[in-house]
Amino acid sequence: MKWKLKNKEVVVRTYHSGPVEDYTVRILWSNKLGLCHQHTFTKYREAEAFANRIKAVGIINPNRWRADYYPSKSYLETYAD
């Protein structure tokens, strides 16, 4: 099964916590569903390249994405603690 992105935005989200910095690729599918790719990247360039490949292809396999139901308004924004 494949899902077409159509006008969905693919975003690289940064997470900072002390010396740790991780990057995830996310899609806000609707106000009830956010998708986060299973792979967490340690380098921004790798995450960005992956996001660009997804945008170019225009489809995703939802089995490789974690479903986050009712994501917050800051779901796509950088997070630091």
PDB file of N, CA and C in Angstrom:
ATOM      1  N   MET A   1       0.835  -1.165   0.000  1.00  0.00           N
ATOM      2  CA  MET A   1       0.000   0.000   0.000  1.00  0.00           C
ATOM      3  C   MET A   1       0.895   1.247   0.000  1.00  0.00           C
ATOM      4  N   LYS A   2       0.513   2.241  -0.761  1.00  0.00           N
ATOM      5  CA  LYS A   2       1.252   3.504  -0.839  1.00  0.00           C
ATOM      6  C   LYS A   2       0.277   4.658  -0.644  1.00  0.00           C
ATOM      7  N   TRP A   3       0.746   5.736  -0.034  1.00  0.00           N
ATOM      8  CA  TRP A   3      -0.060   6.940   0.137  1.00  0.00           C
ATOM      9  C   TRP A   3       0.563   8.055  -0.680  1.00  0.00           C
ATOM     10  N   LYS A   4      -0.247   8.788  -1.431  1.00  0.00           N
ATOM     11  CA  LYS A   4       0.225   9.941  -2.199  1.00  0.00           C
ATOM     12  C   LYS A   4       0.284  11.165  -1.295  1.00  0.00           C
ATOM     13  N   LEU A   5       1.380  11.905  -1.400  1.00  0.00           N
ATOM     14  CA  LEU A   5       1.549  13.086  -0.555  1.00  0.00           C
ATOM     15  C   LEU A   5       0.659  14.253  -0.956  1.00  0.00           C
ATOM     16  N   LYS A   6       0.396  14.397  -2.242  1.00  0.00           N
ATOM     17  CA  LYS A   6      -0.352  15.528  -2.776  1.00  0.00           C
ATOM     18  C   LYS A   6       0.254  16.826  -2.258  1.00  0.00           C
ATOM     19  N   ASN A   7      -0.432  17.562  -1.412  1.00  0.00           N
ATOM     20  CA  ASN A   7       0.083  18.850  -0.933  1.00  0.00           C
ATOM     21  C   ASN A   7       0.622  18.787   0.500  1.00  0.00           C
ATOM     22  N   LYS A   8       0.931  17.602   0.979  1.00  0.00           N
ATOM     23  CA  LYS A   8       1.442  17.455   2.349  1.00  0.00           C
ATOM     24  C   LYS A   8       2.886  17.938   2.444  1.00  0.00           C
ATOM     25  N   GLU A   9       3.213  18.574   3.550  1.00  0.00           N
ATOM     26  CA  GLU A   9       4.561  19.101   3.768  1.00  0.00           C
ATOM     27  C   GLU A   9       5.417  18.077   4.506  1.00  0.00           C
ATOM     28  N   VAL A  10       6.593  17.802   3.966  1.00  0.00           N
ATOM     29  CA  VAL A  10       7.552  16.896   4.592  1.00  0.00           C
ATOM     30  C   VAL A  10       8.594  17.775   5.285  1.00  0.00           C
ATOM     31  N   VAL A  11       8.788  17.562   6.588  1.00  0.00           N
ATOM     32  CA  VAL A  11       9.626  18.449   7.396  1.00  0.00           C
ATOM     33  C   VAL A  11      10.680  17.655   8.154  1.00  0.00           C
ATOM     34  N   VAL A  12      11.864  18.239   8.280  1.00  0.00           N
ATOM     35  CA  VAL A  12      12.896  17.683   9.157  1.00  0.00           C
ATOM     36  C   VAL A  12      12.754  18.388  10.494  1.00  0.00           C
ATOM     37  N   ARG A  13      12.493  17.623  11.547  1.00  0.00           N
ATOM     38  CA  ARG A  13      12.321  18.181  12.891  1.00  0.00           C
ATOM     39  C   ARG A  13      13.584  17.907  13.700  1.00  0.00           C
ATOM     40  N   THR A  14      14.070  18.935  14.370  1.00  0.00           N
ATOM     41  CA  THR A  14      15.280  18.831  15.179  1.00  0.00           C
ATOM     42  C   THR A  14      14.906  18.670  16.648  1.00  0.00           C
ATOM     43  N   TYR A  15      15.615  17.782  17.339  1.00  0.00           N
ATOM     44  CA  TYR A  15      15.438  17.586  18.777  1.00  0.00           C
ATOM     45  C   TYR A  15      16.783  17.828  19.450  1.00  0.00           C
ATOM     46  N   HIS A  16      16.829  18.763  20.400  1.00  0.00           N
ATOM     47  CA  HIS A  16      18.046  19.058  21.162  1.00  0.00           C
ATOM     48  C   HIS A  16      17.829  18.671  22.625  1.00  0.00           C
ATOM     49  N   SER A  17      18.796  18.013  23.199  1.00  0.00           N
ATOM     50  CA  SER A  17      18.781  17.740  24.634  1.00  0.00           C
ATOM     51  C   SER A  17      20.228  17.618  25.085  1.00  0.00           C
ATOM     52  N   GLY A  18      20.752  18.686  25.676  1.00  0.00           N
ATOM     53  CA  GLY A  18      22.153  18.697  26.066  1.00  0.00           C
ATOM     54  C   GLY A  18      23.033  18.480  24.856  1.00  0.00           C
ATOM     55  N   PRO A  19      23.949  17.512  24.910  1.00  0.00           N
ATOM     56  CA  PRO A  19      24.836  17.269  23.769  1.00  0.00           C
ATOM     57  C   PRO A  19      24.179  16.469  22.640  1.00  0.00           C
ATOM     58  N   VAL A  20      22.974  15.968  22.877  1.00  0.00           N
ATOM     59  CA  VAL A  20      22.291  15.130  21.886  1.00  0.00           C
ATOM     60  C   VAL A  20      21.510  16.009  20.910  1.00  0.00           C
ATOM     61  N   GLU A  21      21.651  15.690  19.639  1.00  0.00           N
ATOM     62  CA  GLU A  21      20.880  16.373  18.615  1.00  0.00           C
ATOM     63  C   GLU A  21      20.459  15.330  17.592  1.00  0.00           C
ATOM     64  N   ASP A  22      19.152  15.109  17.495  1.00  0.00           N
ATOM     65  CA  ASP A  22      18.597  14.124  16.572  1.00  0.00           C
ATOM     66  C   ASP A  22      17.640  14.808  15.603  1.00  0.00           C
ATOM     67  N   TYR A  23      17.430  14.158  14.466  1.00  0.00           N
ATOM     68  CA  TYR A  23      16.552  14.703  13.433  1.00  0.00           C
ATOM     69  C   TYR A  23      15.582  13.619  12.990  1.00  0.00           C
ATOM     70  N   THR A  24      14.325  13.988  12.882  1.00  0.00           N
ATOM     71  CA  THR A  24      13.314  13.073  12.383  1.00  0.00           C
ATOM     72  C   THR A  24      12.606  13.726  11.201  1.00  0.00           C
ATOM     73  N   VAL A  25      12.089  12.892  10.322  1.00  0.00           N
ATOM     74  CA  VAL A  25      11.327  13.380   9.182  1.00  0.00           C
ATOM     75  C   VAL A  25       9.856  13.149   9.509  1.00  0.00           C
ATOM     76  N   ARG A  26       9.077  14.234   9.419  1.00  0.00           N
ATOM     77  CA  ARG A  26       7.670  14.178   9.820  1.00  0.00           C
ATOM     78  C   ARG A  26       6.760  14.771   8.758  1.00  0.00           C
ATOM     79  N   ILE A  27       5.520  14.309   8.804  1.00  0.00           N
ATOM     80  CA  ILE A  27       4.476  14.821   7.932  1.00  0.00           C
ATOM     81  C   ILE A  27       3.229  15.032   8.789  1.00  0.00           C
ATOM     82  N   LEU A  28       2.668  16.217   8.717  1.00  0.00           N
ATOM     83  CA  LEU A  28       1.390  16.464   9.376  1.00  0.00           C
ATOM     84  C   LEU A  28       0.312  16.129   8.352  1.00  0.00           C
ATOM     85  N   TRP A  29      -0.248  14.925   8.464  1.00  0.00           N
ATOM     86  CA  TRP A  29      -1.191  14.439   7.468  1.00  0.00           C
ATOM     87  C   TRP A  29      -2.543  15.146   7.612  1.00  0.00           C
ATOM     88  N   SER A  30      -2.971  15.323   8.843  1.00  0.00           N
ATOM     89  CA  SER A  30      -4.212  16.034   9.131  1.00  0.00           C
ATOM     90  C   SER A  30      -4.131  16.508  10.576  1.00  0.00           C
ATOM     91  N   ASN A  31      -5.185  17.188  11.046  1.00  0.00           N
ATOM     92  CA  ASN A  31      -5.150  17.611  12.445  1.00  0.00           C
ATOM     93  C   ASN A  31      -5.349  16.426  13.392  1.00  0.00           C
ATOM     94  N   LYS A  32      -5.665  15.263  12.845  1.00  0.00           N
ATOM     95  CA  LYS A  32      -5.832  14.062  13.659  1.00  0.00           C
ATOM     96  C   LYS A  32      -4.700  13.054  13.501  1.00  0.00           C
ATOM     97  N   LEU A  33      -3.826  13.257  12.495  1.00  0.00           N
ATOM     98  CA  LEU A  33      -2.773  12.278  12.238  1.00  0.00           C
ATOM     99  C   LEU A  33      -1.464  12.945  11.824  1.00  0.00           C
ATOM    100  N   GLY A  34      -0.416  12.644  12.571  1.00  0.00           N
ATOM    101  CA  GLY A  34       0.934  13.035  12.198  1.00  0.00           C
ATOM    102  C   GLY A  34       1.726  11.767  11.938  1.00  0.00           C
ATOM    103  N   LEU A  35       2.664  11.829  11.008  1.00  0.00           N
ATOM    104  CA  LEU A  35       3.501  10.669  10.693  1.00  0.00           C
ATOM    105  C   LEU A  35       4.957  11.016  10.949  1.00  0.00           C
ATOM    106  N   CYS A  36       5.660  10.113  11.609  1.00  0.00           N
ATOM    107  CA  CYS A  36       7.084  10.287  11.889  1.00  0.00           C
ATOM    108  C   CYS A  36       7.804   9.048  11.361  1.00  0.00           C
ATOM    109  N   HIS A  37       8.801   9.252  10.500  1.00  0.00           N
ATOM    110  CA  HIS A  37       9.515   8.102   9.939  1.00  0.00           C
ATOM    111  C   HIS A  37      10.237   7.358  11.055  1.00  0.00           C
ATOM    112  N   GLN A  38      10.306   6.053  10.931  1.00  0.00           N
ATOM    113  CA  GLN A  38      10.890   5.202  11.971  1.00  0.00           C
ATOM    114  C   GLN A  38      12.370   5.491  12.216  1.00  0.00           C
ATOM    115  N   HIS A  39      13.077   5.939  11.201  1.00  0.00           N
ATOM    116  CA  HIS A  39      14.515   6.168  11.336  1.00  0.00           C
ATOM    117  C   HIS A  39      14.793   7.550  11.933  1.00  0.00           C
ATOM    118  N   THR A  40      15.647   7.600  12.948  1.00  0.00           N
ATOM    119  CA  THR A  40      16.096   8.855  13.526  1.00  0.00           C
ATOM    120  C   THR A  40      17.504   9.125  13.007  1.00  0.00           C
ATOM    121  N   PHE A  41      17.724  10.307  12.464  1.00  0.00           N
ATOM    122  CA  PHE A  41      19.001  10.674  11.866  1.00  0.00           C
ATOM    123  C   PHE A  41      19.858  11.428  12.873  1.00  0.00           C
ATOM    124  N   THR A  42      21.171  11.264  12.779  1.00  0.00           N
ATOM    125  CA  THR A  42      22.093  11.996  13.640  1.00  0.00           C
ATOM    126  C   THR A  42      22.710  13.192  12.923  1.00  0.00           C
ATOM    127  N   LYS A  43      22.514  13.258  11.614  1.00  0.00           N
ATOM    128  CA  LYS A  43      23.047  14.375  10.820  1.00  0.00           C
ATOM    129  C   LYS A  43      21.906  15.022  10.041  1.00  0.00           C
ATOM    130  N   TYR A  44      21.869  16.346  10.106  1.00  0.00           N
ATOM    131  CA  TYR A  44      20.804  17.095   9.440  1.00  0.00           C
ATOM    132  C   TYR A  44      20.803  16.848   7.936  1.00  0.00           C
ATOM    133  N   ARG A  45      21.975  16.821   7.339  1.00  0.00           N
ATOM    134  CA  ARG A  45      22.057  16.652   5.880  1.00  0.00           C
ATOM    135  C   ARG A  45      21.451  15.329   5.418  1.00  0.00           C
ATOM    136  N   GLU A  46      21.641  14.281   6.206  1.00  0.00           N
ATOM    137  CA  GLU A  46      21.055  12.987   5.851  1.00  0.00           C
ATOM    138  C   GLU A  46      19.530  13.049   5.934  1.00  0.00           C
ATOM    139  N   ALA A  47      19.014  13.659   6.986  1.00  0.00           N
ATOM    140  CA  ALA A  47      17.563  13.791   7.143  1.00  0.00           C
ATOM    141  C   ALA A  47      16.978  14.658   6.035  1.00  0.00           C
ATOM    142  N   GLU A  48      17.663  15.734   5.691  1.00  0.00           N
ATOM    143  CA  GLU A  48      17.203  16.622   4.636  1.00  0.00           C
ATOM    144  C   GLU A  48      17.188  15.907   3.278  1.00  0.00           C
ATOM    145  N   ALA A  49      18.238  15.137   3.005  1.00  0.00           N
ATOM    146  CA  ALA A  49      18.302  14.387   1.747  1.00  0.00           C
ATOM    147  C   ALA A  49      17.162  13.367   1.672  1.00  0.00           C
ATOM    148  N   PHE A  50      16.887  12.707   2.778  1.00  0.00           N
ATOM    149  CA  PHE A  50      15.788  11.738   2.821  1.00  0.00           C
ATOM    150  C   PHE A  50      14.451  12.435   2.574  1.00  0.00           C
ATOM    151  N   ALA A  51      14.234  13.565   3.233  1.00  0.00           N
ATOM    152  CA  ALA A  51      12.990  14.326   3.048  1.00  0.00           C
ATOM    153  C   ALA A  51      12.845  14.781   1.599  1.00  0.00           C
ATOM    154  N   ASN A  52      13.936  15.207   0.991  1.00  0.00           N
ATOM    155  CA  ASN A  52      13.891  15.652  -0.405  1.00  0.00           C
ATOM    156  C   ASN A  52      13.559  14.495  -1.359  1.00  0.00           C
ATOM    157  N   ARG A  53      14.060  13.295  -1.052  1.00  0.00           N
ATOM    158  CA  ARG A  53      13.727  12.126  -1.876  1.00  0.00           C
ATOM    159  C   ARG A  53      12.232  11.815  -1.785  1.00  0.00           C
ATOM    160  N   ILE A  54      11.682  11.923  -0.580  1.00  0.00           N
ATOM    161  CA  ILE A  54      10.251  11.678  -0.396  1.00  0.00           C
ATOM    162  C   ILE A  54       9.438  12.705  -1.188  1.00  0.00           C
ATOM    163  N   LYS A  55       9.833  13.960  -1.112  1.00  0.00           N
ATOM    164  CA  LYS A  55       9.132  15.017  -1.843  1.00  0.00           C
ATOM    165  C   LYS A  55       9.192  14.758  -3.349  1.00  0.00           C
ATOM    166  N   ALA A  56      10.350  14.324  -3.841  1.00  0.00           N
ATOM    167  CA  ALA A  56      10.524  14.082  -5.277  1.00  0.00           C
ATOM    168  C   ALA A  56       9.656  12.919  -5.757  1.00  0.00           C
ATOM    169  N   VAL A  57       9.573  11.865  -4.964  1.00  0.00           N
ATOM    170  CA  VAL A  57       8.793  10.688  -5.345  1.00  0.00           C
ATOM    171  C   VAL A  57       7.297  10.973  -5.181  1.00  0.00           C
ATOM    172  N   GLY A  58       6.930  11.644  -4.090  1.00  0.00           N
ATOM    173  CA  GLY A  58       5.541  12.017  -3.883  1.00  0.00           C
ATOM    174  C   GLY A  58       4.649  10.957  -3.276  1.00  0.00           C
ATOM    175  N   ILE A  59       5.238   9.830  -2.861  1.00  0.00           N
ATOM    176  CA  ILE A  59       4.464   8.776  -2.205  1.00  0.00           C
ATOM    177  C   ILE A  59       5.260   8.221  -1.027  1.00  0.00           C
ATOM    178  N   ILE A  60       4.541   7.652  -0.067  1.00  0.00           N
ATOM    179  CA  ILE A  60       5.205   7.003   1.072  1.00  0.00           C
ATOM    180  C   ILE A  60       4.573   5.636   1.299  1.00  0.00           C
ATOM    181  N   ASN A  61       5.314   4.784   1.959  1.00  0.00           N
ATOM    182  CA  ASN A  61       4.802   3.504   2.437  1.00  0.00           C
ATOM    183  C   ASN A  61       4.452   3.720   3.907  1.00  0.00           C
ATOM    184  N   PRO A  62       3.190   3.776   4.275  1.00  0.00           N
ATOM    185  CA  PRO A  62       2.821   4.090   5.656  1.00  0.00           C
ATOM    186  C   PRO A  62       3.305   3.071   6.676  1.00  0.00           C
ATOM    187  N   ASN A  63       3.691   1.888   6.241  1.00  0.00           N
ATOM    188  CA  ASN A  63       4.192   0.870   7.171  1.00  0.00           C
ATOM    189  C   ASN A  63       5.541   1.251   7.771  1.00  0.00           C
ATOM    190  N   ARG A  64       6.237   2.204   7.162  1.00  0.00           N
ATOM    191  CA  ARG A  64       7.553   2.630   7.654  1.00  0.00           C
ATOM    192  C   ARG A  64       7.470   3.902   8.493  1.00  0.00           C
ATOM    193  N   TRP A  65       6.258   4.309   8.789  1.00  0.00           N
ATOM    194  CA  TRP A  65       6.041   5.550   9.529  1.00  0.00           C
ATOM    195  C   TRP A  65       5.258   5.252  10.805  1.00  0.00           C
ATOM    196  N   ARG A  66       5.625   5.955  11.880  1.00  0.00           N
ATOM    197  CA  ARG A  66       4.899   5.835  13.145  1.00  0.00           C
ATOM    198  C   ARG A  66       3.735   6.819  13.114  1.00  0.00           C
ATOM    199  N   ALA A  67       2.565   6.351  13.460  1.00  0.00           N
ATOM    200  CA  ALA A  67       1.387   7.210  13.511  1.00  0.00           C
ATOM    201  C   ALA A  67       1.317   7.892  14.869  1.00  0.00           C
ATOM    202  N   ASP A  68       1.199   9.199  14.856  1.00  0.00           N
ATOM    203  CA  ASP A  68       1.002   9.991  16.077  1.00  0.00           C
ATOM    204  C   ASP A  68      -0.388  10.608  15.967  1.00  0.00           C
ATOM    205  N   TYR A  69      -1.309  10.100  16.771  1.00  0.00           N
ATOM    206  CA  TYR A  69      -2.678  10.566  16.692  1.00  0.00           C
ATOM    207  C   TYR A  69      -2.856  11.858  17.477  1.00  0.00           C
ATOM    208  N   TYR A  70      -3.620  12.764  16.924  1.00  0.00           N
ATOM    209  CA  TYR A  70      -3.885  14.086  17.495  1.00  0.00           C
ATOM    210  C   TYR A  70      -2.590  14.805  17.858  1.00  0.00           C
ATOM    211  N   PRO A  71      -1.730  15.051  16.860  1.00  0.00           N
ATOM    212  CA  PRO A  71      -0.446  15.723  17.135  1.00  0.00           C
ATOM    213  C   PRO A  71      -0.665  17.165  17.609  1.00  0.00           C
ATOM    214  N   SER A  72       0.293  17.639  18.392  1.00  0.00           N
ATOM    215  CA  SER A  72       0.199  19.005  18.917  1.00  0.00           C
ATOM    216  C   SER A  72       0.445  20.019  17.806  1.00  0.00           C
ATOM    217  N   LYS A  73       0.182  21.274  18.094  1.00  0.00           N
ATOM    218  CA  LYS A  73       0.409  22.338  17.119  1.00  0.00           C
ATOM    219  C   LYS A  73       1.884  22.496  16.801  1.00  0.00           C
ATOM    220  N   SER A  74       2.742  22.061  17.719  1.00  0.00           N
ATOM    221  CA  SER A  74       4.195  22.177  17.517  1.00  0.00           C
ATOM    222  C   SER A  74       4.807  20.881  16.992  1.00  0.00           C
ATOM    223  N   TYR A  75       4.011  20.012  16.416  1.00  0.00           N
ATOM    224  CA  TYR A  75       4.454  18.697  15.957  1.00  0.00           C
ATOM    225  C   TYR A  75       5.622  18.783  14.979  1.00  0.00           C
ATOM    226  N   LEU A  76       5.645  19.811  14.136  1.00  0.00           N
ATOM    227  CA  LEU A  76       6.687  19.933  13.116  1.00  0.00           C
ATOM    228  C   LEU A  76       7.827  20.857  13.538  1.00  0.00           C
ATOM    229  N   GLU A  77       7.748  21.438  14.714  1.00  0.00           N
ATOM    230  CA  GLU A  77       8.733  22.436  15.136  1.00  0.00           C
ATOM    231  C   GLU A  77       9.898  21.797  15.900  1.00  0.00           C
ATOM    232  N   THR A  78      11.017  22.512  15.922  1.00  0.00           N
ATOM    233  CA  THR A  78      12.191  22.093  16.680  1.00  0.00           C
ATOM    234  C   THR A  78      11.848  21.992  18.154  1.00  0.00           C
ATOM    235  N   TYR A  79      12.400  20.973  18.820  1.00  0.00           N
ATOM    236  CA  TYR A  79      12.118  20.757  20.237  1.00  0.00           C
ATOM    237  C   TYR A  79      13.439  20.718  21.003  1.00  0.00           C
ATOM    238  N   ALA A  80      13.500  21.420  22.111  1.00  0.00           N
ATOM    239  CA  ALA A  80      14.692  21.407  22.972  1.00  0.00           C
ATOM    240  C   ALA A  80      14.259  21.333  24.414  1.00  0.00           C
ATOM    241  N   ASP A  81      15.028  20.583  25.212  1.00  0.00           N
ATOM    242  CA  ASP A  81      14.752  20.575  26.654  1.00  0.00           C
ATOM    243  C   ASP A  81      16.015  20.764  27.435  1.00  0.00           C
TER     244      ASP A  81
END
